[in-house]
């Protein structure tokens, strides 16, 4: 991931109202998350930011901690809310500027991660 890319500072490829609706689904999901899981996720991100290198890359340990925390946060909400967020962003073309093979590998990793989260989701 090139964290120095300006893609992270640009607005998504959809009209503002659709962006706001998608953000609203994320806010609702976040409000439903277990507070201890949220705190753990915030601390994992904060620690990673403190340790990142000059290109904005986290250490493997910090990256692993972030992903574990995200898994716990997602698992603490009903699967229907997770799918609401997924569906809200389905029309956003966020992958047009990446290598297709990298995108496929990332998607497969996401599907593997999803299976782990789903096994413990309420």
PDB file of N, CA and C in Angstrom:
ATOM      1  N   UNK A   1       0.854  -1.184   0.000  1.00  0.00           N
ATOM      2  CA  UNK A   1       0.000   0.000   0.000  1.00  0.00           C
ATOM      3  C   UNK A   1       0.887   1.228   0.000  1.00  0.00           C
ATOM      4  N   UNK A   2       0.663   2.092  -0.965  1.00  0.00           N
ATOM      5  CA  UNK A   2       1.403   3.353  -1.024  1.00  0.00           C
ATOM      6  C   UNK A   2       0.637   4.398  -0.221  1.00  0.00           C
ATOM      7  N   UNK A   3       0.997   4.534   1.053  1.00  0.00           N
ATOM      8  CA  UNK A   3       0.299   5.470   1.926  1.00  0.00           C
ATOM      9  C   UNK A   3       0.622   6.917   1.594  1.00  0.00           C
ATOM     10  N   UNK A   4       1.606   7.156   0.728  1.00  0.00           N
ATOM     11  CA  UNK A   4       1.922   8.527   0.326  1.00  0.00           C
ATOM     12  C   UNK A   4       1.089   8.971  -0.870  1.00  0.00           C
ATOM     13  N   UNK A   5       0.297   8.066  -1.442  1.00  0.00           N
ATOM     14  CA  UNK A   5      -0.566   8.397  -2.574  1.00  0.00           C
ATOM     15  C   UNK A   5      -1.638   9.386  -2.141  1.00  0.00           C
ATOM     16  N   UNK A   6      -2.010  10.276  -3.048  1.00  0.00           N
ATOM     17  CA  UNK A   6      -3.058  11.250  -2.722  1.00  0.00           C
ATOM     18  C   UNK A   6      -4.464  10.656  -2.813  1.00  0.00           C
ATOM     19  N   UNK A   7      -4.587   9.381  -3.190  1.00  0.00           N
ATOM     20  CA  UNK A   7      -5.902   8.760  -3.304  1.00  0.00           C
ATOM     21  C   UNK A   7      -6.641   8.779  -1.963  1.00  0.00           C
ATOM     22  N   UNK A   8      -5.909   8.761  -0.867  1.00  0.00           N
ATOM     23  CA  UNK A   8      -6.535   8.743   0.455  1.00  0.00           C
ATOM     24  C   UNK A   8      -7.052  10.114   0.864  1.00  0.00           C
ATOM     25  N   UNK A   9      -6.663  11.151   0.145  1.00  0.00           N
ATOM     26  CA  UNK A   9      -7.129  12.502   0.429  1.00  0.00           C
ATOM     27  C   UNK A   9      -8.204  12.977  -0.532  1.00  0.00           C
ATOM     28  N   UNK A  10      -8.543  12.152  -1.507  1.00  0.00           N
ATOM     29  CA  UNK A  10      -9.551  12.523  -2.500  1.00  0.00           C
ATOM     30  C   UNK A  10     -10.920  11.987  -2.103  1.00  0.00           C
ATOM     31  N   UNK A  11     -11.937  12.701  -2.533  1.00  0.00           N
ATOM     32  CA  UNK A  11     -13.291  12.223  -2.295  1.00  0.00           C
ATOM     33  C   UNK A  11     -13.586  11.032  -3.193  1.00  0.00           C
ATOM     34  N   UNK A  12     -14.455  10.130  -2.736  1.00  0.00           N
ATOM     35  CA  UNK A  12     -14.822   8.972  -3.557  1.00  0.00           C
ATOM     36  C   UNK A  12     -15.481   9.377  -4.872  1.00  0.00           C
ATOM     37  N   UNK A  13     -15.728   8.383  -5.694  1.00  0.00           N
ATOM     38  CA  UNK A  13     -16.203   8.589  -7.062  1.00  0.00           C
ATOM     39  C   UNK A  13     -17.713   8.709  -7.181  1.00  0.00           C
ATOM     40  N   UNK A  14     -18.404   8.961  -6.105  1.00  0.00           N
ATOM     41  CA  UNK A  14     -19.859   9.027  -6.121  1.00  0.00           C
ATOM     42  C   UNK A  14     -20.342  10.419  -5.725  1.00  0.00           C
ATOM     43  N   UNK A  15     -21.602  10.734  -6.018  1.00  0.00           N
ATOM     44  CA  UNK A  15     -22.167  12.035  -5.641  1.00  0.00           C
ATOM     45  C   UNK A  15     -22.139  12.228  -4.115  1.00  0.00           C
ATOM     46  N   UNK A  16     -22.027  13.480  -3.659  1.00  0.00           N
ATOM     47  CA  UNK A  16     -21.908  13.755  -2.221  1.00  0.00           C
ATOM     48  C   UNK A  16     -22.991  13.112  -1.356  1.00  0.00           C
ATOM     49  N   UNK A  17     -24.240  13.118  -1.791  1.00  0.00           N
ATOM     50  CA  UNK A  17     -25.300  12.535  -0.977  1.00  0.00           C
ATOM     51  C   UNK A  17     -25.097  11.035  -0.791  1.00  0.00           C
ATOM     52  N   UNK A  18     -24.650  10.359  -1.839  1.00  0.00           N
ATOM     53  CA  UNK A  18     -24.385   8.926  -1.726  1.00  0.00           C
ATOM     54  C   UNK A  18     -23.203   8.673  -0.789  1.00  0.00           C
ATOM     55  N   UNK A  19     -22.198   9.542  -0.841  1.00  0.00           N
ATOM     56  CA  UNK A  19     -21.054   9.427   0.069  1.00  0.00           C
ATOM     57  C   UNK A  19     -21.523   9.589   1.512  1.00  0.00           C
ATOM     58  N   UNK A  20     -22.366  10.597   1.759  1.00  0.00           N
ATOM     59  CA  UNK A  20     -22.881  10.821   3.113  1.00  0.00           C
ATOM     60  C   UNK A  20     -23.691   9.633   3.614  1.00  0.00           C
ATOM     61  N   UNK A  21     -24.504   9.050   2.744  1.00  0.00           N
ATOM     62  CA  UNK A  21     -25.296   7.882   3.143  1.00  0.00           C
ATOM     63  C   UNK A  21     -24.384   6.699   3.484  1.00  0.00           C
ATOM     64  N   UNK A  22     -23.329   6.520   2.708  1.00  0.00           N
ATOM     65  CA  UNK A  22     -22.387   5.436   2.983  1.00  0.00           C
ATOM     66  C   UNK A  22     -21.670   5.677   4.312  1.00  0.00           C
ATOM     67  N   UNK A  23     -21.256   6.910   4.544  1.00  0.00           N
ATOM     68  CA  UNK A  23     -20.610   7.245   5.813  1.00  0.00           C
ATOM     69  C   UNK A  23     -21.567   7.006   6.971  1.00  0.00           C
ATOM     70  N   UNK A  24     -22.837   7.338   6.776  1.00  0.00           N
ATOM     71  CA  UNK A  24     -23.831   7.126   7.823  1.00  0.00           C
ATOM     72  C   UNK A  24     -23.936   5.650   8.208  1.00  0.00           C
ATOM     73  N   UNK A  25     -23.843   4.748   7.231  1.00  0.00           N
ATOM     74  CA  UNK A  25     -23.904   3.322   7.565  1.00  0.00           C
ATOM     75  C   UNK A  25     -22.699   2.921   8.415  1.00  0.00           C
ATOM     76  N   UNK A  26     -21.527   3.515   8.123  1.00  0.00           N
ATOM     77  CA  UNK A  26     -20.342   3.226   8.935  1.00  0.00           C
ATOM     78  C   UNK A  26     -20.502   3.772  10.348  1.00  0.00           C
ATOM     79  N   UNK A  27     -21.059   4.976  10.467  1.00  0.00           N
ATOM     80  CA  UNK A  27     -21.265   5.563  11.791  1.00  0.00           C
ATOM     81  C   UNK A  27     -22.226   4.722  12.627  1.00  0.00           C
ATOM     82  N   UNK A  28     -23.295   4.243  11.999  1.00  0.00           N
ATOM     83  CA  UNK A  28     -24.244   3.384  12.713  1.00  0.00           C
ATOM     84  C   UNK A  28     -23.566   2.097  13.179  1.00  0.00           C
ATOM     85  N   UNK A  29     -22.758   1.519  12.301  1.00  0.00           N
ATOM     86  CA  UNK A  29     -22.043   0.301  12.670  1.00  0.00           C
ATOM     87  C   UNK A  29     -21.090   0.586  13.828  1.00  0.00           C
ATOM     88  N   UNK A  30     -20.356   1.678  13.739  1.00  0.00           N
ATOM     89  CA  UNK A  30     -19.423   2.039  14.804  1.00  0.00           C
ATOM     90  C   UNK A  30     -20.117   2.263  16.132  1.00  0.00           C
ATOM     91  N   UNK A  31     -21.287   2.887  16.091  1.00  0.00           N
ATOM     92  CA  UNK A  31     -22.042   3.143  17.321  1.00  0.00           C
ATOM     93  C   UNK A  31     -22.534   1.851  17.962  1.00  0.00           C
ATOM     94  N   UNK A  32     -22.652   0.796  17.182  1.00  0.00           N
ATOM     95  CA  UNK A  32     -23.118  -0.493  17.701  1.00  0.00           C
ATOM     96  C   UNK A  32     -21.980  -1.379  18.204  1.00  0.00           C
ATOM     97  N   UNK A  33     -20.746  -0.984  17.931  1.00  0.00           N
ATOM     98  CA  UNK A  33     -19.606  -1.825  18.293  1.00  0.00           C
ATOM     99  C   UNK A  33     -19.365  -1.840  19.798  1.00  0.00           C
ATOM    100  N   UNK A  34     -18.822  -2.944  20.244  1.00  0.00           N
ATOM    101  CA  UNK A  34     -18.434  -3.102  21.636  1.00  0.00           C
ATOM    102  C   UNK A  34     -17.393  -2.040  21.996  1.00  0.00           C
ATOM    103  N   UNK A  35     -17.606  -1.326  23.093  1.00  0.00           N
ATOM    104  CA  UNK A  35     -16.720  -0.210  23.442  1.00  0.00           C
ATOM    105  C   UNK A  35     -15.298  -0.671  23.750  1.00  0.00           C
ATOM    106  N   UNK A  36     -15.134  -1.832  24.346  1.00  0.00           N
ATOM    107  CA  UNK A  36     -13.786  -2.331  24.621  1.00  0.00           C
ATOM    108  C   UNK A  36     -13.057  -2.659  23.316  1.00  0.00           C
ATOM    109  N   UNK A  37     -13.783  -3.203  22.345  1.00  0.00           N
ATOM    110  CA  UNK A  37     -13.179  -3.503  21.043  1.00  0.00           C
ATOM    111  C   UNK A  37     -12.785  -2.217  20.328  1.00  0.00           C
ATOM    112  N   UNK A  38     -13.637  -1.191  20.420  1.00  0.00           N
ATOM    113  CA  UNK A  38     -13.306   0.107  19.820  1.00  0.00           C
ATOM    114  C   UNK A  38     -12.059   0.708  20.452  1.00  0.00           C
ATOM    115  N   UNK A  39     -11.987   0.643  21.765  1.00  0.00           N
ATOM    116  CA  UNK A  39     -10.820   1.189  22.467  1.00  0.00           C
ATOM    117  C   UNK A  39      -9.553   0.455  22.044  1.00  0.00           C
ATOM    118  N   UNK A  40      -9.627  -0.855  21.963  1.00  0.00           N
ATOM    119  CA  UNK A  40      -8.483  -1.655  21.535  1.00  0.00           C
ATOM    120  C   UNK A  40      -8.053  -1.282  20.117  1.00  0.00           C
ATOM    121  N   UNK A  41      -9.030  -1.083  19.238  1.00  0.00           N
ATOM    122  CA  UNK A  41      -8.720  -0.690  17.863  1.00  0.00           C
ATOM    123  C   UNK A  41      -8.081   0.680  17.779  1.00  0.00           C
ATOM    124  N   UNK A  42      -8.598   1.621  18.558  1.00  0.00           N
ATOM    125  CA  UNK A  42      -8.022   2.970  18.567  1.00  0.00           C
ATOM    126  C   UNK A  42      -6.591   2.939  19.086  1.00  0.00           C
ATOM    127  N   UNK A  43      -6.357   2.175  20.140  1.00  0.00           N
ATOM    128  CA  UNK A  43      -5.003   2.078  20.692  1.00  0.00           C
ATOM    129  C   UNK A  43      -4.049   1.391  19.719  1.00  0.00           C
ATOM    130  N   UNK A  44      -4.524   0.367  19.015  1.00  0.00           N
ATOM    131  CA  UNK A  44      -3.678  -0.317  18.029  1.00  0.00           C
ATOM    132  C   UNK A  44      -3.287   0.637  16.908  1.00  0.00           C
ATOM    133  N   UNK A  45      -4.238   1.440  16.438  1.00  0.00           N
ATOM    134  CA  UNK A  45      -3.934   2.419  15.392  1.00  0.00           C
ATOM    135  C   UNK A  45      -2.967   3.484  15.900  1.00  0.00           C
ATOM    136  N   UNK A  46      -3.188   3.958  17.111  1.00  0.00           N
ATOM    137  CA  UNK A  46      -2.319   4.981  17.686  1.00  0.00           C
ATOM    138  C   UNK A  46      -0.886   4.472  17.824  1.00  0.00           C
ATOM    139  N   UNK A  47      -0.744   3.243  18.289  1.00  0.00           N
ATOM    140  CA  UNK A  47       0.586   2.658  18.428  1.00  0.00           C
ATOM    141  C   UNK A  47       1.253   2.509  17.061  1.00  0.00           C
ATOM    142  N   UNK A  48       0.491   2.075  16.073  1.00  0.00           N
ATOM    143  CA  UNK A  48       1.050   1.909  14.726  1.00  0.00           C
ATOM    144  C   UNK A  48       1.513   3.243  14.155  1.00  0.00           C
ATOM    145  N   UNK A  49       0.739   4.283  14.370  1.00  0.00           N
ATOM    146  CA  UNK A  49       1.125   5.612  13.884  1.00  0.00           C
ATOM    147  C   UNK A  49       2.423   6.053  14.543  1.00  0.00           C
ATOM    148  N   UNK A  50       2.569   5.770  15.818  1.00  0.00           N
ATOM    149  CA  UNK A  50       3.787   6.150  16.543  1.00  0.00           C
ATOM    150  C   UNK A  50       5.018   5.414  16.027  1.00  0.00           C
ATOM    151  N   UNK A  51       4.827   4.215  15.477  1.00  0.00           N
ATOM    152  CA  UNK A  51       5.954   3.390  15.027  1.00  0.00           C
ATOM    153  C   UNK A  51       6.161   3.357  13.517  1.00  0.00           C
ATOM    154  N   UNK A  52       5.314   4.043  12.741  1.00  0.00           N
ATOM    155  CA  UNK A  52       5.420   3.908  11.284  1.00  0.00           C
ATOM    156  C   UNK A  52       6.717   4.513  10.748  1.00  0.00           C
ATOM    157  N   UNK A  53       7.126   4.013   9.588  1.00  0.00           N
ATOM    158  CA  UNK A  53       8.357   4.507   8.981  1.00  0.00           C
ATOM    159  C   UNK A  53       8.087   5.778   8.172  1.00  0.00           C
ATOM    160  N   UNK A  54       9.098   6.257   7.475  1.00  0.00           N
ATOM    161  CA  UNK A  54       8.982   7.528   6.747  1.00  0.00           C
ATOM    162  C   UNK A  54       7.985   7.471   5.590  1.00  0.00           C
ATOM    163  N   UNK A  55       7.608   6.270   5.165  1.00  0.00           N
ATOM    164  CA  UNK A  55       6.617   6.125   4.095  1.00  0.00           C
ATOM    165  C   UNK A  55       5.223   5.836   4.643  1.00  0.00           C
ATOM    166  N   UNK A  56       5.060   5.926   5.959  1.00  0.00           N
ATOM    167  CA  UNK A  56       3.758   5.689   6.560  1.00  0.00           C
ATOM    168  C   UNK A  56       3.408   4.223   6.716  1.00  0.00           C
ATOM    169  N   UNK A  57       4.402   3.348   6.688  1.00  0.00           N
ATOM    170  CA  UNK A  57       4.167   1.908   6.786  1.00  0.00           C
ATOM    171  C   UNK A  57       4.349   1.458   8.232  1.00  0.00           C
ATOM    172  N   UNK A  58       3.369   0.723   8.720  1.00  0.00           N
ATOM    173  CA  UNK A  58       3.419   0.201  10.086  1.00  0.00           C
ATOM    174  C   UNK A  58       4.319  -1.026  10.152  1.00  0.00           C
ATOM    175  N   UNK A  59       4.780  -1.334  11.363  1.00  0.00           N
ATOM    176  CA  UNK A  59       5.524  -2.576  11.557  1.00  0.00           C
ATOM    177  C   UNK A  59       4.563  -3.743  11.366  1.00  0.00           C
ATOM    178  N   UNK A  60       5.111  -4.920  11.110  1.00  0.00           N
ATOM    179  CA  UNK A  60       4.265  -6.103  10.941  1.00  0.00           C
ATOM    180  C   UNK A  60       3.468  -6.375  12.217  1.00  0.00           C
ATOM    181  N   UNK A  61       4.099  -6.209  13.361  1.00  0.00           N
ATOM    182  CA  UNK A  61       3.399  -6.445  14.630  1.00  0.00           C
ATOM    183  C   UNK A  61       2.235  -5.473  14.800  1.00  0.00           C
ATOM    184  N   UNK A  62       2.456  -4.203  14.478  1.00  0.00           N
ATOM    185  CA  UNK A  62       1.385  -3.219  14.600  1.00  0.00           C
ATOM    186  C   UNK A  62       0.276  -3.482  13.584  1.00  0.00           C
ATOM    187  N   UNK A  63       0.659  -3.844  12.366  1.00  0.00           N
ATOM    188  CA  UNK A  63      -0.328  -4.160  11.327  1.00  0.00           C
ATOM    189  C   UNK A  63      -1.189  -5.354  11.754  1.00  0.00           C
ATOM    190  N   UNK A  64      -0.548  -6.356  12.320  1.00  0.00           N
ATOM    191  CA  UNK A  64      -1.259  -7.538  12.803  1.00  0.00           C
ATOM    192  C   UNK A  64      -2.222  -7.165  13.925  1.00  0.00           C
ATOM    193  N   UNK A  65      -1.770  -6.308  14.841  1.00  0.00           N
ATOM    194  CA  UNK A  65      -2.623  -5.872  15.954  1.00  0.00           C
ATOM    195  C   UNK A  65      -3.828  -5.081  15.447  1.00  0.00           C
ATOM    196  N   UNK A  66      -3.617  -4.243  14.442  1.00  0.00           N
ATOM    197  CA  UNK A  66      -4.725  -3.473  13.864  1.00  0.00           C
ATOM    198  C   UNK A  66      -5.759  -4.413  13.255  1.00  0.00           C
ATOM    199  N   UNK A  67      -5.300  -5.371  12.468  1.00  0.00           N
ATOM    200  CA  UNK A  67      -6.236  -6.295  11.827  1.00  0.00           C
ATOM    201  C   UNK A  67      -6.990  -7.141  12.845  1.00  0.00           C
ATOM    202  N   UNK A  68      -6.314  -7.565  13.896  1.00  0.00           N
ATOM    203  CA  UNK A  68      -6.997  -8.317  14.951  1.00  0.00           C
ATOM    204  C   UNK A  68      -8.059  -7.448  15.612  1.00  0.00           C
ATOM    205  N   UNK A  69      -7.716  -6.196  15.884  1.00  0.00           N
ATOM    206  CA  UNK A  69      -8.670  -5.281  16.519  1.00  0.00           C
ATOM    207  C   UNK A  69      -9.868  -5.022  15.612  1.00  0.00           C
ATOM    208  N   UNK A  70      -9.612  -4.825  14.322  1.00  0.00           N
ATOM    209  CA  UNK A  70     -10.713  -4.618  13.376  1.00  0.00           C
ATOM    210  C   UNK A  70     -11.627  -5.844  13.359  1.00  0.00           C
ATOM    211  N   UNK A  71     -11.033  -7.020  13.373  1.00  0.00           N
ATOM    212  CA  UNK A  71     -11.831  -8.242  13.409  1.00  0.00           C
ATOM    213  C   UNK A  71     -12.735  -8.294  14.628  1.00  0.00           C
ATOM    214  N   UNK A  72     -12.203  -7.937  15.793  1.00  0.00           N
ATOM    215  CA  UNK A  72     -13.010  -7.932  17.019  1.00  0.00           C
ATOM    216  C   UNK A  72     -14.107  -6.870  16.953  1.00  0.00           C
ATOM    217  N   UNK A  73     -13.791  -5.718  16.380  1.00  0.00           N
ATOM    218  CA  UNK A  73     -14.801  -4.664  16.270  1.00  0.00           C
ATOM    219  C   UNK A  73     -15.939  -5.111  15.356  1.00  0.00           C
ATOM    220  N   UNK A  74     -15.597  -5.660  14.203  1.00  0.00           N
ATOM    221  CA  UNK A  74     -16.618  -6.113  13.254  1.00  0.00           C
ATOM    222  C   UNK A  74     -17.429  -7.266  13.840  1.00  0.00           C
ATOM    223  N   UNK A  75     -16.752  -8.174  14.531  1.00  0.00           N
ATOM    224  CA  UNK A  75     -17.450  -9.325  15.110  1.00  0.00           C
ATOM    225  C   UNK A  75     -18.424  -8.924  16.210  1.00  0.00           C
ATOM    226  N   UNK A  76     -18.258  -7.718  16.750  1.00  0.00           N
ATOM    227  CA  UNK A  76     -19.126  -7.287  17.850  1.00  0.00           C
ATOM    228  C   UNK A  76     -20.465  -6.709  17.381  1.00  0.00           C
ATOM    229  N   UNK A  77     -20.669  -6.621  16.071  1.00  0.00           N
ATOM    230  CA  UNK A  77     -21.939  -6.102  15.543  1.00  0.00           C
ATOM    231  C   UNK A  77     -22.635  -7.197  14.733  1.00  0.00           C
ATOM    232  N   UNK A  78     -23.943  -7.072  14.551  1.00  0.00           N
ATOM    233  CA  UNK A  78     -24.644  -8.059  13.719  1.00  0.00           C
ATOM    234  C   UNK A  78     -24.117  -8.056  12.276  1.00  0.00           C
ATOM    235  N   UNK A  79     -24.108  -9.220  11.668  1.00  0.00           N
ATOM    236  CA  UNK A  79     -23.634  -9.347  10.287  1.00  0.00           C
ATOM    237  C   UNK A  79     -24.412  -8.435   9.347  1.00  0.00           C
ATOM    238  N   UNK A  80     -25.674  -8.175   9.652  1.00  0.00           N
ATOM    239  CA  UNK A  80     -26.486  -7.321   8.780  1.00  0.00           C
ATOM    240  C   UNK A  80     -25.910  -5.903   8.696  1.00  0.00           C
ATOM    241  N   UNK A  81     -25.353  -5.401   9.794  1.00  0.00           N
ATOM    242  CA  UNK A  81     -24.752  -4.063   9.752  1.00  0.00           C
ATOM    243  C   UNK A  81     -23.467  -4.062   8.929  1.00  0.00           C
ATOM    244  N   UNK A  82     -22.702  -5.132   9.038  1.00  0.00           N
ATOM    245  CA  UNK A  82     -21.489  -5.242   8.228  1.00  0.00           C
ATOM    246  C   UNK A  82     -21.852  -5.233   6.747  1.00  0.00           C
ATOM    247  N   UNK A  83     -22.889  -5.970   6.390  1.00  0.00           N
ATOM    248  CA  UNK A  83     -23.321  -6.016   4.996  1.00  0.00           C
ATOM    249  C   UNK A  83     -23.901  -4.680   4.540  1.00  0.00           C
ATOM    250  N   UNK A  84     -24.544  -3.951   5.445  1.00  0.00           N
ATOM    251  CA  UNK A  84     -25.042  -2.616   5.091  1.00  0.00           C
ATOM    252  C   UNK A  84     -23.889  -1.713   4.663  1.00  0.00           C
ATOM    253  N   UNK A  85     -22.779  -1.774   5.399  1.00  0.00           N
ATOM    254  CA  UNK A  85     -21.608  -0.959   5.045  1.00  0.00           C
ATOM    255  C   UNK A  85     -21.030  -1.434   3.716  1.00  0.00           C
ATOM    256  N   UNK A  86     -20.868  -2.731   3.566  1.00  0.00           N
ATOM    257  CA  UNK A  86     -20.343  -3.280   2.314  1.00  0.00           C
ATOM    258  C   UNK A  86     -21.193  -2.822   1.133  1.00  0.00           C
ATOM    259  N   UNK A  87     -22.499  -2.978   1.255  1.00  0.00           N
ATOM    260  CA  UNK A  87     -23.401  -2.613   0.161  1.00  0.00           C
ATOM    261  C   UNK A  87     -23.410  -1.113  -0.108  1.00  0.00           C
ATOM    262  N   UNK A  88     -23.234  -0.300   0.922  1.00  0.00           N
ATOM    263  CA  UNK A  88     -23.219   1.155   0.742  1.00  0.00           C
ATOM    264  C   UNK A  88     -22.033   1.603  -0.109  1.00  0.00           C
ATOM    265  N   UNK A  89     -20.941   0.850  -0.051  1.00  0.00           N
ATOM    266  CA  UNK A  89     -19.745   1.220  -0.805  1.00  0.00           C
ATOM    267  C   UNK A  89     -19.555   0.398  -2.077  1.00  0.00           C
ATOM    268  N   UNK A  90     -20.470  -0.504  -2.376  1.00  0.00           N
ATOM    269  CA  UNK A  90     -20.315  -1.399  -3.524  1.00  0.00           C
ATOM    270  C   UNK A  90     -20.193  -0.662  -4.853  1.00  0.00           C
ATOM    271  N   UNK A  91     -20.835   0.497  -4.980  1.00  0.00           N
ATOM    272  CA  UNK A  91     -20.799   1.235  -6.247  1.00  0.00           C
ATOM    273  C   UNK A  91     -19.578   2.144  -6.376  1.00  0.00           C
ATOM    274  N   UNK A  92     -18.846   2.311  -5.310  1.00  0.00           N
ATOM    275  CA  UNK A  92     -17.669   3.172  -5.348  1.00  0.00           C
ATOM    276  C   UNK A  92     -16.551   2.427  -6.068  1.00  0.00           C
ATOM    277  N   UNK A  93     -15.968   3.031  -7.062  1.00  0.00           N
ATOM    278  CA  UNK A  93     -14.888   2.395  -7.806  1.00  0.00           C
ATOM    279  C   UNK A  93     -13.566   2.757  -7.140  1.00  0.00           C
ATOM    280  N   UNK A  94     -13.252   2.051  -6.068  1.00  0.00           N
ATOM    281  CA  UNK A  94     -12.045   2.364  -5.308  1.00  0.00           C
ATOM    282  C   UNK A  94     -10.830   1.595  -5.809  1.00  0.00           C
ATOM    283  N   UNK A  95     -11.007   0.687  -6.751  1.00  0.00           N
ATOM    284  CA  UNK A  95      -9.901  -0.136  -7.201  1.00  0.00           C
ATOM    285  C   UNK A  95      -9.367   0.199  -8.575  1.00  0.00           C
ATOM    286  N   UNK A  96      -9.834   1.267  -9.166  1.00  0.00           N
ATOM    287  CA  UNK A  96      -9.441   1.562 -10.547  1.00  0.00           C
ATOM    288  C   UNK A  96      -7.977   1.974 -10.693  1.00  0.00           C
ATOM    289  N   UNK A  97      -7.355   2.403  -9.614  1.00  0.00           N
ATOM    290  CA  UNK A  97      -5.979   2.887  -9.701  1.00  0.00           C
ATOM    291  C   UNK A  97      -4.962   1.906  -9.132  1.00  0.00           C
ATOM    292  N   UNK A  98      -5.355   0.643  -8.966  1.00  0.00           N
ATOM    293  CA  UNK A  98      -4.435  -0.339  -8.400  1.00  0.00           C
ATOM    294  C   UNK A  98      -4.177  -1.463  -9.393  1.00  0.00           C
ATOM    295  N   UNK A  99      -3.106  -2.190  -9.166  1.00  0.00           N
ATOM    296  CA  UNK A  99      -2.756  -3.343  -9.975  1.00  0.00           C
ATOM    297  C   UNK A  99      -3.820  -4.424  -9.782  1.00  0.00           C
ATOM    298  N   UNK A 100      -4.326  -4.973 -10.877  1.00  0.00           N
ATOM    299  CA  UNK A 100      -5.421  -5.947 -10.818  1.00  0.00           C
ATOM    300  C   UNK A 100      -5.050  -7.187 -10.004  1.00  0.00           C
ATOM    301  N   UNK A 101      -3.848  -7.691 -10.161  1.00  0.00           N
ATOM    302  CA  UNK A 101      -3.427  -8.884  -9.412  1.00  0.00           C
ATOM    303  C   UNK A 101      -3.320  -8.581  -7.923  1.00  0.00           C
ATOM    304  N   UNK A 102      -2.817  -7.397  -7.588  1.00  0.00           N
ATOM    305  CA  UNK A 102      -2.760  -6.995  -6.178  1.00  0.00           C
ATOM    306  C   UNK A 102      -4.164  -6.893  -5.603  1.00  0.00           C
ATOM    307  N   UNK A 103      -5.087  -6.349  -6.393  1.00  0.00           N
ATOM    308  CA  UNK A 103      -6.475  -6.219  -5.939  1.00  0.00           C
ATOM    309  C   UNK A 103      -7.097  -7.591  -5.706  1.00  0.00           C
ATOM    310  N   UNK A 104      -6.830  -8.546  -6.600  1.00  0.00           N
ATOM    311  CA  UNK A 104      -7.364  -9.898  -6.433  1.00  0.00           C
ATOM    312  C   UNK A 104      -6.803 -10.556  -5.175  1.00  0.00           C
ATOM    313  N   UNK A 105      -5.511 -10.385  -4.945  1.00  0.00           N
ATOM    314  CA  UNK A 105      -4.886 -10.964  -3.751  1.00  0.00           C
ATOM    315  C   UNK A 105      -5.439 -10.324  -2.483  1.00  0.00           C
ATOM    316  N   UNK A 106      -5.632  -9.016  -2.515  1.00  0.00           N
ATOM    317  CA  UNK A 106      -6.192  -8.317  -1.355  1.00  0.00           C
ATOM    318  C   UNK A 106      -7.622  -8.773  -1.103  1.00  0.00           C
ATOM    319  N   UNK A 107      -8.386  -8.954  -2.164  1.00  0.00           N
ATOM    320  CA  UNK A 107      -9.767  -9.413  -2.018  1.00  0.00           C
ATOM    321  C   UNK A 107      -9.807 -10.811  -1.413  1.00  0.00           C
ATOM    322  N   UNK A 108      -8.923 -11.690  -1.868  1.00  0.00           N
ATOM    323  CA  UNK A 108      -8.895 -13.045  -1.305  1.00  0.00           C
ATOM    324  C   UNK A 108      -8.532 -13.003   0.173  1.00  0.00           C
ATOM    325  N   UNK A 109      -7.581 -12.147   0.534  1.00  0.00           N
ATOM    326  CA  UNK A 109      -7.222 -11.996   1.950  1.00  0.00           C
ATOM    327  C   UNK A 109      -8.414 -11.480   2.752  1.00  0.00           C
ATOM    328  N   UNK A 110      -9.171 -10.557   2.165  1.00  0.00           N
ATOM    329  CA  UNK A 110     -10.368 -10.039   2.827  1.00  0.00           C
ATOM    330  C   UNK A 110     -11.395 -11.150   3.030  1.00  0.00           C
ATOM    331  N   UNK A 111     -11.569 -12.000   2.036  1.00  0.00           N
ATOM    332  CA  UNK A 111     -12.530 -13.097   2.158  1.00  0.00           C
ATOM    333  C   UNK A 111     -12.094 -14.084   3.247  1.00  0.00           C
ATOM    334  N   UNK A 112     -10.803 -14.347   3.328  1.00  0.00           N
ATOM    335  CA  UNK A 112     -10.289 -15.220   4.390  1.00  0.00           C
ATOM    336  C   UNK A 112     -10.524 -14.583   5.758  1.00  0.00           C
ATOM    337  N   UNK A 113     -10.268 -13.284   5.853  1.00  0.00           N
ATOM    338  CA  UNK A 113     -10.470 -12.533   7.093  1.00  0.00           C
ATOM    339  C   UNK A 113     -11.948 -12.548   7.473  1.00  0.00           C
ATOM    340  N   UNK A 114     -12.809 -12.379   6.476  1.00  0.00           N
ATOM    341  CA  UNK A 114     -14.256 -12.392   6.698  1.00  0.00           C
ATOM    342  C   UNK A 114     -14.698 -13.700   7.337  1.00  0.00           C
ATOM    343  N   UNK A 115     -14.138 -14.803   6.879  1.00  0.00           N
ATOM    344  CA  UNK A 115     -14.516 -16.102   7.425  1.00  0.00           C
ATOM    345  C   UNK A 115     -14.136 -16.218   8.900  1.00  0.00           C
ATOM    346  N   UNK A 116     -12.984 -15.692   9.259  1.00  0.00           N
ATOM    347  CA  UNK A 116     -12.544 -15.714  10.658  1.00  0.00           C
ATOM    348  C   UNK A 116     -13.466 -14.846  11.507  1.00  0.00           C
ATOM    349  N   UNK A 117     -13.774 -13.648  11.008  1.00  0.00           N
ATOM    350  CA  UNK A 117     -14.653 -12.740  11.751  1.00  0.00           C
ATOM    351  C   UNK A 117     -16.047 -13.342  11.889  1.00  0.00           C
ATOM    352  N   UNK A 118     -16.568 -13.866  10.801  1.00  0.00           N
ATOM    353  CA  UNK A 118     -17.935 -14.408  10.810  1.00  0.00           C
ATOM    354  C   UNK A 118     -18.082 -15.545  11.813  1.00  0.00           C
ATOM    355  N   UNK A 119     -17.025 -16.308  12.000  1.00  0.00           N
ATOM    356  CA  UNK A 119     -17.077 -17.424  12.944  1.00  0.00           C
ATOM    357  C   UNK A 119     -17.313 -16.948  14.378  1.00  0.00           C
ATOM    358  N   UNK A 120     -16.960 -15.698  14.670  1.00  0.00           N
ATOM    359  CA  UNK A 120     -17.155 -15.193  16.034  1.00  0.00           C
ATOM    360  C   UNK A 120     -18.149 -14.043  16.108  1.00  0.00           C
ATOM    361  N   UNK A 121     -18.815 -13.755  14.989  1.00  0.00           N
ATOM    362  CA  UNK A 121     -19.742 -12.620  14.948  1.00  0.00           C
ATOM    363  C   UNK A 121     -21.032 -12.954  15.666  1.00  0.00           C
ATOM    364  N   UNK A 122     -21.573 -11.942  16.345  1.00  0.00           N
ATOM    365  CA  UNK A 122     -22.827 -12.171  17.076  1.00  0.00           C
ATOM    366  C   UNK A 122     -24.018 -12.116  16.152  1.00  0.00           C
TER     367      UNK A 122
END
